[in-house]
Amino acid sequence: MSVELNHTIVHARDNRESAEFFADLLNLEITAEWGPFIAVALGNGVTLDFATVPADSITPQHYAFLVSEEEFDAAYAQIEQRGIEHYADPRRQQPGTVNHNDGGRGVYFMDPAGHAMELITVPYGGWPS
């Protein structure tokens, strides 16, 4: 068997708030709740397991998601409708717009716990030939 990522734990101030924010934004499903975790399933079988921890214990992380053009359009419409601050770049120097890198589009925004989220439609470096 090859090595595959199965799940990762995402620290949140409120696991329900963060899981619902993410699931609603990307039209994903909350698939399970057990113990301190609320799991959101991604298309490749990986789950993000949101766990409530004290706010001062959260170290901001970066999570990047490869999405289709249609999924990007839907998510970006939600970002704009909700008034979520977003940027074309990770340093947040280009507010209110998207980037056009490697023949695709990308956008950065923060989740409710302060994690930097990124949506891209083409992997960095472009699609393999």
C-alpha atoms as a PDB file:
ATOM      1  CA  MET A   1       0.000   0.000   0.000  1.00  0.00           C
ATOM      2  CA  SER A   2       1.258   3.475  -0.766  1.00  0.00           C
ATOM      3  CA  VAL A   3       1.254   6.121   1.925  1.00  0.00           C
ATOM      4  CA  GLU A   4      -1.863   8.294   1.916  1.00  0.00           C
ATOM      5  CA  LEU A   5      -2.993  11.114   4.165  1.00  0.00           C
ATOM      6  CA  ASN A   6      -6.144   9.928   5.938  1.00  0.00           C
ATOM      7  CA  HIS A   7      -7.016  12.887   8.165  1.00  0.00           C
ATOM      8  CA  THR A   8      -5.558  15.860   9.942  1.00  0.00           C
ATOM      9  CA  ILE A   9      -6.726  17.677  13.037  1.00  0.00           C
ATOM     10  CA  VAL A  10      -7.511  21.363  12.621  1.00  0.00           C
ATOM     11  CA  HIS A  11      -7.511  23.360  15.855  1.00  0.00           C
ATOM     12  CA  ALA A  12     -10.419  25.773  16.207  1.00  0.00           C
ATOM     13  CA  ARG A  13     -11.880  28.108  18.804  1.00  0.00           C
ATOM     14  CA  ASP A  14     -15.243  26.445  18.055  1.00  0.00           C
ATOM     15  CA  ASN A  15     -15.115  23.164  16.126  1.00  0.00           C
ATOM     16  CA  ARG A  16     -18.714  23.472  14.883  1.00  0.00           C
ATOM     17  CA  GLU A  17     -18.250  27.049  13.654  1.00  0.00           C
ATOM     18  CA  SER A  18     -15.059  26.181  11.766  1.00  0.00           C
ATOM     19  CA  ALA A  19     -16.380  22.908  10.320  1.00  0.00           C
ATOM     20  CA  GLU A  20     -19.600  24.550   9.124  1.00  0.00           C
ATOM     21  CA  PHE A  21     -17.717  27.560   7.712  1.00  0.00           C
ATOM     22  CA  PHE A  22     -15.500  25.277   5.664  1.00  0.00           C
ATOM     23  CA  ALA A  23     -18.195  22.778   4.633  1.00  0.00           C
ATOM     24  CA  ASP A  24     -20.675  25.484   3.624  1.00  0.00           C
ATOM     25  CA  LEU A  25     -18.089  27.470   1.688  1.00  0.00           C
ATOM     26  CA  LEU A  26     -16.962  24.482  -0.386  1.00  0.00           C
ATOM     27  CA  ASN A  27     -20.254  22.572  -0.501  1.00  0.00           C
ATOM     28  CA  LEU A  28     -18.783  19.683   1.487  1.00  0.00           C
ATOM     29  CA  GLU A  29     -20.304  17.336   4.016  1.00  0.00           C
ATOM     30  CA  ILE A  30     -19.795  17.053   7.737  1.00  0.00           C
ATOM     31  CA  THR A  31     -19.419  13.294   7.873  1.00  0.00           C
ATOM     32  CA  ALA A  32     -18.844  12.368  11.492  1.00  0.00           C
ATOM     33  CA  GLU A  33     -18.718  13.663  15.030  1.00  0.00           C
ATOM     34  CA  TRP A  34     -16.900  11.805  17.768  1.00  0.00           C
ATOM     35  CA  GLY A  35     -15.255  12.985  20.930  1.00  0.00           C
ATOM     36  CA  PRO A  36     -13.919  16.493  20.371  1.00  0.00           C
ATOM     37  CA  PHE A  37     -13.901  16.139  16.565  1.00  0.00           C
ATOM     38  CA  ILE A  38     -16.210  17.229  13.752  1.00  0.00           C
ATOM     39  CA  ALA A  39     -15.013  15.783  10.440  1.00  0.00           C
ATOM     40  CA  VAL A  40     -15.415  17.324   7.002  1.00  0.00           C
ATOM     41  CA  ALA A  41     -14.710  14.966   4.099  1.00  0.00           C
ATOM     42  CA  LEU A  42     -12.677  16.055   1.088  1.00  0.00           C
ATOM     43  CA  GLY A  43     -13.039  14.509  -2.362  1.00  0.00           C
ATOM     44  CA  ASN A  44      -9.918  12.356  -2.075  1.00  0.00           C
ATOM     45  CA  GLY A  45     -10.991  10.500   1.075  1.00  0.00           C
ATOM     46  CA  VAL A  46      -9.119  12.757   3.498  1.00  0.00           C
ATOM     47  CA  THR A  47     -11.002  14.337   6.392  1.00  0.00           C
ATOM     48  CA  LEU A  48     -10.332  17.552   8.237  1.00  0.00           C
ATOM     49  CA  ASP A  49     -11.165  16.813  11.862  1.00  0.00           C
ATOM     50  CA  PHE A  50     -11.967  20.103  13.591  1.00  0.00           C
ATOM     51  CA  ALA A  51     -11.272  20.154  17.346  1.00  0.00           C
ATOM     52  CA  THR A  52     -12.063  22.906  19.828  1.00  0.00           C
ATOM     53  CA  VAL A  53      -8.972  24.023  21.730  1.00  0.00           C
ATOM     54  CA  PRO A  54      -8.224  27.138  23.799  1.00  0.00           C
ATOM     55  CA  ALA A  55      -7.726  30.108  21.485  1.00  0.00           C
ATOM     56  CA  ASP A  56      -4.232  30.768  22.829  1.00  0.00           C
ATOM     57  CA  SER A  57      -3.237  27.210  21.866  1.00  0.00           C
ATOM     58  CA  ILE A  58      -4.003  27.722  18.167  1.00  0.00           C
ATOM     59  CA  THR A  59      -0.972  28.076  15.940  1.00  0.00           C
ATOM     60  CA  PRO A  60      -2.150  29.409  12.570  1.00  0.00           C
ATOM     61  CA  GLN A  61      -1.596  26.920   9.780  1.00  0.00           C
ATOM     62  CA  HIS A  62      -1.904  27.113   6.005  1.00  0.00           C
ATOM     63  CA  TYR A  63      -4.290  24.788   4.177  1.00  0.00           C
ATOM     64  CA  ALA A  64      -4.398  24.814   0.363  1.00  0.00           C
ATOM     65  CA  PHE A  65      -7.135  23.074  -1.611  1.00  0.00           C
ATOM     66  CA  LEU A  66      -7.146  22.162  -5.271  1.00  0.00           C
ATOM     67  CA  VAL A  67     -10.647  22.759  -6.647  1.00  0.00           C
ATOM     68  CA  SER A  68     -12.283  22.706 -10.072  1.00  0.00           C
ATOM     69  CA  GLU A  69     -13.071  25.940 -11.908  1.00  0.00           C
ATOM     70  CA  GLU A  70     -16.763  25.452 -11.060  1.00  0.00           C
ATOM     71  CA  GLU A  71     -16.016  24.853  -7.378  1.00  0.00           C
ATOM     72  CA  PHE A  72     -13.786  27.922  -7.351  1.00  0.00           C
ATOM     73  CA  ASP A  73     -16.550  30.052  -8.888  1.00  0.00           C
ATOM     74  CA  ALA A  74     -19.083  28.845  -6.312  1.00  0.00           C
ATOM     75  CA  ALA A  75     -16.723  29.312  -3.363  1.00  0.00           C
ATOM     76  CA  TYR A  76     -15.561  32.724  -4.562  1.00  0.00           C
ATOM     77  CA  ALA A  77     -19.183  33.837  -4.926  1.00  0.00           C
ATOM     78  CA  GLN A  78     -19.710  32.777  -1.285  1.00  0.00           C
ATOM     79  CA  ILE A  79     -16.568  34.644  -0.203  1.00  0.00           C
ATOM     80  CA  GLU A  80     -17.837  37.807  -1.840  1.00  0.00           C
ATOM     81  CA  GLN A  81     -21.442  37.406  -0.616  1.00  0.00           C
ATOM     82  CA  ARG A  82     -20.293  36.850   2.971  1.00  0.00           C
ATOM     83  CA  GLY A  83     -17.884  39.768   2.846  1.00  0.00           C
ATOM     84  CA  ILE A  84     -14.914  37.554   3.722  1.00  0.00           C
ATOM     85  CA  GLU A  85     -11.640  39.424   3.351  1.00  0.00           C
ATOM     86  CA  HIS A  86      -9.607  37.749   0.651  1.00  0.00           C
ATOM     87  CA  TYR A  87      -6.401  38.276  -1.238  1.00  0.00           C
ATOM     88  CA  ALA A  88      -4.597  37.255  -4.400  1.00  0.00           C
ATOM     89  CA  ASP A  89      -1.406  36.607  -2.448  1.00  0.00           C
ATOM     90  CA  PRO A  90      -0.306  35.004   0.832  1.00  0.00           C
ATOM     91  CA  ARG A  91       1.182  38.249   2.180  1.00  0.00           C
ATOM     92  CA  ARG A  92      -2.225  39.924   1.854  1.00  0.00           C
ATOM     93  CA  GLN A  93      -0.882  42.747  -0.324  1.00  0.00           C
ATOM     94  CA  GLN A  94      -3.556  42.391  -3.044  1.00  0.00           C
ATOM     95  CA  PRO A  95      -6.938  42.559  -1.289  1.00  0.00           C
ATOM     96  CA  GLY A  96     -10.287  41.806  -2.891  1.00  0.00           C
ATOM     97  CA  THR A  97      -8.982  39.895  -5.898  1.00  0.00           C
ATOM     98  CA  VAL A  98      -7.689  36.539  -7.127  1.00  0.00           C
ATOM     99  CA  ASN A  99      -4.414  35.521  -8.738  1.00  0.00           C
ATOM    100  CA  HIS A 100      -3.886  33.876 -12.117  1.00  0.00           C
ATOM    101  CA  ASN A 101      -0.850  31.651 -11.528  1.00  0.00           C
ATOM    102  CA  ASP A 102       0.157  28.609 -13.566  1.00  0.00           C
ATOM    103  CA  GLY A 103      -2.838  29.016 -15.881  1.00  0.00           C
ATOM    104  CA  GLY A 104      -5.408  28.865 -13.076  1.00  0.00           C
ATOM    105  CA  ARG A 105      -6.841  31.012 -10.328  1.00  0.00           C
ATOM    106  CA  GLY A 106      -6.152  31.255  -6.614  1.00  0.00           C
ATOM    107  CA  VAL A 107      -7.430  33.093  -3.572  1.00  0.00           C
ATOM    108  CA  TYR A 108      -6.378  33.350   0.090  1.00  0.00           C
ATOM    109  CA  PHE A 109      -8.623  34.004   3.091  1.00  0.00           C
ATOM    110  CA  MET A 110      -8.723  33.314   6.816  1.00  0.00           C
ATOM    111  CA  ASP A 111     -11.021  30.840   8.543  1.00  0.00           C
ATOM    112  CA  PRO A 112     -12.743  31.648  11.875  1.00  0.00           C
ATOM    113  CA  ALA A 113      -9.793  30.270  13.898  1.00  0.00           C
ATOM    114  CA  GLY A 114      -7.187  32.322  11.997  1.00  0.00           C
ATOM    115  CA  HIS A 115      -5.883  29.628   9.659  1.00  0.00           C
ATOM    116  CA  ALA A 116      -4.809  30.788   6.188  1.00  0.00           C
ATOM    117  CA  MET A 117      -6.928  29.015   3.603  1.00  0.00           C
ATOM    118  CA  GLU A 118      -6.085  28.900  -0.086  1.00  0.00           C
ATOM    119  CA  LEU A 119      -8.119  27.721  -3.056  1.00  0.00           C
ATOM    120  CA  ILE A 120      -6.335  27.001  -6.348  1.00  0.00           C
ATOM    121  CA  THR A 121      -7.600  25.612  -9.644  1.00  0.00           C
ATOM    122  CA  VAL A 122      -4.205  24.460 -10.958  1.00  0.00           C
ATOM    123  CA  PRO A 123      -1.382  22.924  -8.897  1.00  0.00           C
ATOM    124  CA  TYR A 124       1.714  25.045  -8.415  1.00  0.00           C
ATOM    125  CA  GLY A 125       3.979  24.495 -11.388  1.00  0.00           C
ATOM    126  CA  GLY A 126       0.988  23.628 -13.589  1.00  0.00           C
ATOM    127  CA  TRP A 127      -0.497  20.302 -14.553  1.00  0.00           C
ATOM    128  CA  PRO A 128       2.026  17.564 -15.392  1.00  0.00           C
ATOM    129  CA  SER A 129       2.477  17.086 -19.122  1.00  0.00           C
END
